[in-house]
Amino acid sequence: MRTPYPLDTHTLIAVRYRVPLELLQLILAAYCYGNEDEVGEGLKEAFDSGVKREDIFVTTKLWCTYHSRVEENLDKSLKSLGLDYVDLYLMHWPVAMNPNGENPTLPT
């Protein structure tokens, strides 16, 4: 079902309003989803309103073009999320893709 908001706005609204109400305590983001900036903005607002970091479980994923540069992808994710750590870091797919392609998420 299509949301009435673009994905980035929908993600930000979900995190912004549901986390403080304890309706959202597990966050799943991923570099490839392109939602880490919006999740990070929503988390910042939630933390500023008094939500504690330890009450939120944040997961993000290593993208396939970064299999040989895991730390680089994690650093990008942490920066976008505005966090010092994630609770779970998963490999998105167990198949490496060309890290030198013309597109960082879907190289050719």
C-alpha atoms as a PDB file:
ATOM      1  CA  MET A   1       0.000   0.000   0.000  1.00  0.00           C
ATOM      2  CA  ARG A   2       1.350   3.404  -0.916  1.00  0.00           C
ATOM      3  CA  THR A   3       1.687   5.927   1.895  1.00  0.00           C
ATOM      4  CA  PRO A   4       0.427   9.504   1.526  1.00  0.00           C
ATOM      5  CA  TYR A   5       3.978  10.732   2.209  1.00  0.00           C
ATOM      6  CA  PRO A   6       7.219  10.190   0.343  1.00  0.00           C
ATOM      7  CA  LEU A   7       9.205   7.422   2.042  1.00  0.00           C
ATOM      8  CA  ASP A   8      11.680   9.761   3.701  1.00  0.00           C
ATOM      9  CA  THR A   9       8.931  11.870   5.288  1.00  0.00           C
ATOM     10  CA  HIS A  10       6.963   8.792   6.333  1.00  0.00           C
ATOM     11  CA  THR A  11      10.055   7.308   8.000  1.00  0.00           C
ATOM     12  CA  LEU A  12      10.840  10.534   9.841  1.00  0.00           C
ATOM     13  CA  ILE A  13       7.235  10.887  11.064  1.00  0.00           C
ATOM     14  CA  ALA A  14       7.142   7.255  12.227  1.00  0.00           C
ATOM     15  CA  VAL A  15      10.316   7.588  14.270  1.00  0.00           C
ATOM     16  CA  ARG A  16       9.542  11.094  15.520  1.00  0.00           C
ATOM     17  CA  TYR A  17       6.122  10.279  16.935  1.00  0.00           C
ATOM     18  CA  ARG A  18       6.142   6.581  17.730  1.00  0.00           C
ATOM     19  CA  VAL A  19       9.423   6.287  19.644  1.00  0.00           C
ATOM     20  CA  PRO A  20       8.470   8.740  22.439  1.00  0.00           C
ATOM     21  CA  LEU A  21       5.128   6.933  22.861  1.00  0.00           C
ATOM     22  CA  GLU A  22       6.944   3.589  23.146  1.00  0.00           C
ATOM     23  CA  LEU A  23       5.092   2.373  20.057  1.00  0.00           C
ATOM     24  CA  LEU A  24       8.372   1.838  18.221  1.00  0.00           C
ATOM     25  CA  GLN A  25      11.338   0.418  20.092  1.00  0.00           C
ATOM     26  CA  LEU A  26      12.999  -1.597  17.342  1.00  0.00           C
ATOM     27  CA  ILE A  27      14.437   0.391  14.451  1.00  0.00           C
ATOM     28  CA  LEU A  28      15.518  -1.313  11.224  1.00  0.00           C
ATOM     29  CA  ALA A  29      17.510   0.857   8.869  1.00  0.00           C
ATOM     30  CA  ALA A  30      19.880   0.071   6.024  1.00  0.00           C
ATOM     31  CA  TYR A  31      22.307   1.962   3.839  1.00  0.00           C
ATOM     32  CA  CYS A  32      20.556   0.524   0.776  1.00  0.00           C
ATOM     33  CA  TYR A  33      17.084   1.554   2.000  1.00  0.00           C
ATOM     34  CA  GLY A  34      18.232   5.166   2.006  1.00  0.00           C
ATOM     35  CA  ASN A  35      16.397   5.795   5.270  1.00  0.00           C
ATOM     36  CA  GLU A  36      19.246   6.291   7.727  1.00  0.00           C
ATOM     37  CA  ASP A  37      19.247  10.105   7.576  1.00  0.00           C
ATOM     38  CA  GLU A  38      15.516  10.272   8.308  1.00  0.00           C
ATOM     39  CA  VAL A  39      15.740   7.643  11.044  1.00  0.00           C
ATOM     40  CA  GLY A  40      18.633   9.604  12.546  1.00  0.00           C
ATOM     41  CA  GLU A  41      16.604  12.845  12.538  1.00  0.00           C
ATOM     42  CA  GLY A  42      13.680  11.096  14.184  1.00  0.00           C
ATOM     43  CA  LEU A  43      15.907   9.484  16.799  1.00  0.00           C
ATOM     44  CA  LYS A  44      17.546  12.810  17.617  1.00  0.00           C
ATOM     45  CA  GLU A  45      14.157  14.379  18.221  1.00  0.00           C
ATOM     46  CA  ALA A  46      13.097  11.407  20.336  1.00  0.00           C
ATOM     47  CA  PHE A  47      16.286  11.550  22.424  1.00  0.00           C
ATOM     48  CA  ASP A  48      15.908  15.318  22.810  1.00  0.00           C
ATOM     49  CA  SER A  49      12.410  14.718  24.169  1.00  0.00           C
ATOM     50  CA  GLY A  50      13.707  12.379  26.867  1.00  0.00           C
ATOM     51  CA  VAL A  51      13.758   8.935  25.273  1.00  0.00           C
ATOM     52  CA  LYS A  52      16.841   7.026  26.425  1.00  0.00           C
ATOM     53  CA  ARG A  53      19.169   5.464  23.868  1.00  0.00           C
ATOM     54  CA  GLU A  54      19.251   2.199  25.796  1.00  0.00           C
ATOM     55  CA  ASP A  55      15.475   1.861  25.383  1.00  0.00           C
ATOM     56  CA  ILE A  56      15.728   1.694  21.588  1.00  0.00           C
ATOM     57  CA  PHE A  57      17.201  -1.283  19.678  1.00  0.00           C
ATOM     58  CA  VAL A  58      18.714  -0.093  16.405  1.00  0.00           C
ATOM     59  CA  THR A  59      19.651  -2.440  13.573  1.00  0.00           C
ATOM     60  CA  THR A  60      21.249  -1.508  10.276  1.00  0.00           C
ATOM     61  CA  LYS A  61      22.819  -3.464   7.470  1.00  0.00           C
ATOM     62  CA  LEU A  62      26.086  -3.747   5.586  1.00  0.00           C
ATOM     63  CA  TRP A  63      25.454  -3.252   1.884  1.00  0.00           C
ATOM     64  CA  CYS A  64      26.924  -5.615  -0.718  1.00  0.00           C
ATOM     65  CA  THR A  65      29.275  -3.092  -2.314  1.00  0.00           C
ATOM     66  CA  TYR A  66      31.013  -2.652   1.054  1.00  0.00           C
ATOM     67  CA  HIS A  67      31.923  -6.268   1.866  1.00  0.00           C
ATOM     68  CA  SER A  68      35.608  -5.379   1.579  1.00  0.00           C
ATOM     69  CA  ARG A  69      35.080  -2.065   3.450  1.00  0.00           C
ATOM     70  CA  VAL A  70      32.854  -2.991   6.380  1.00  0.00           C
ATOM     71  CA  GLU A  71      34.134  -0.286   8.720  1.00  0.00           C
ATOM     72  CA  GLU A  72      33.594   2.409   6.082  1.00  0.00           C
ATOM     73  CA  ASN A  73      29.950   1.407   5.589  1.00  0.00           C
ATOM     74  CA  LEU A  74      29.359   1.174   9.336  1.00  0.00           C
ATOM     75  CA  ASP A  75      30.868   4.639   9.822  1.00  0.00           C
ATOM     76  CA  LYS A  76      28.561   6.059   7.124  1.00  0.00           C
ATOM     77  CA  SER A  77      25.560   4.449   8.794  1.00  0.00           C
ATOM     78  CA  LEU A  78      26.517   5.672  12.270  1.00  0.00           C
ATOM     79  CA  LYS A  79      26.992   9.206  10.951  1.00  0.00           C
ATOM     80  CA  SER A  80      23.623   9.180   9.172  1.00  0.00           C
ATOM     81  CA  LEU A  81      21.867   7.691  12.190  1.00  0.00           C
ATOM     82  CA  GLY A  82      23.589  10.138  14.552  1.00  0.00           C
ATOM     83  CA  LEU A  83      24.642   7.288  16.824  1.00  0.00           C
ATOM     84  CA  ASP A  84      27.839   6.056  18.424  1.00  0.00           C
ATOM     85  CA  TYR A  85      26.806   2.427  18.030  1.00  0.00           C
ATOM     86  CA  VAL A  86      24.090   0.165  16.658  1.00  0.00           C
ATOM     87  CA  ASP A  87      22.761  -2.789  18.584  1.00  0.00           C
ATOM     88  CA  LEU A  88      22.872  -5.169  15.631  1.00  0.00           C
ATOM     89  CA  TYR A  89      24.790  -4.888  12.363  1.00  0.00           C
ATOM     90  CA  LEU A  90      23.701  -7.390   9.732  1.00  0.00           C
ATOM     91  CA  MET A  91      25.021  -8.339   6.315  1.00  0.00           C
ATOM     92  CA  HIS A  92      22.247  -7.369   3.904  1.00  0.00           C
ATOM     93  CA  TRP A  93      23.049 -10.119   1.391  1.00  0.00           C
ATOM     94  CA  PRO A  94      25.865 -12.676   1.571  1.00  0.00           C
ATOM     95  CA  VAL A  95      26.904 -11.833  -2.001  1.00  0.00           C
ATOM     96  CA  ALA A  96      29.483  -9.146  -2.664  1.00  0.00           C
ATOM     97  CA  MET A  97      28.844  -6.647  -5.459  1.00  0.00           C
ATOM     98  CA  ASN A  98      31.300  -4.559  -7.444  1.00  0.00           C
ATOM     99  CA  PRO A  99      32.607  -1.884  -5.056  1.00  0.00           C
ATOM    100  CA  ASN A 100      33.828   0.220  -7.985  1.00  0.00           C
ATOM    101  CA  GLY A 101      30.597   0.448  -9.965  1.00  0.00           C
ATOM    102  CA  GLU A 102      29.028   3.696 -11.099  1.00  0.00           C
ATOM    103  CA  ASN A 103      26.311   3.540  -8.419  1.00  0.00           C
ATOM    104  CA  PRO A 104      27.121   2.857  -4.726  1.00  0.00           C
ATOM    105  CA  THR A 105      23.992   0.764  -4.124  1.00  0.00           C
ATOM    106  CA  LEU A 106      23.374  -0.989  -7.450  1.00  0.00           C
ATOM    107  CA  PRO A 107      26.650  -0.971  -9.405  1.00  0.00           C
ATOM    108  CA  THR A 108      26.952  -2.087 -12.984  1.00  0.00           C
END
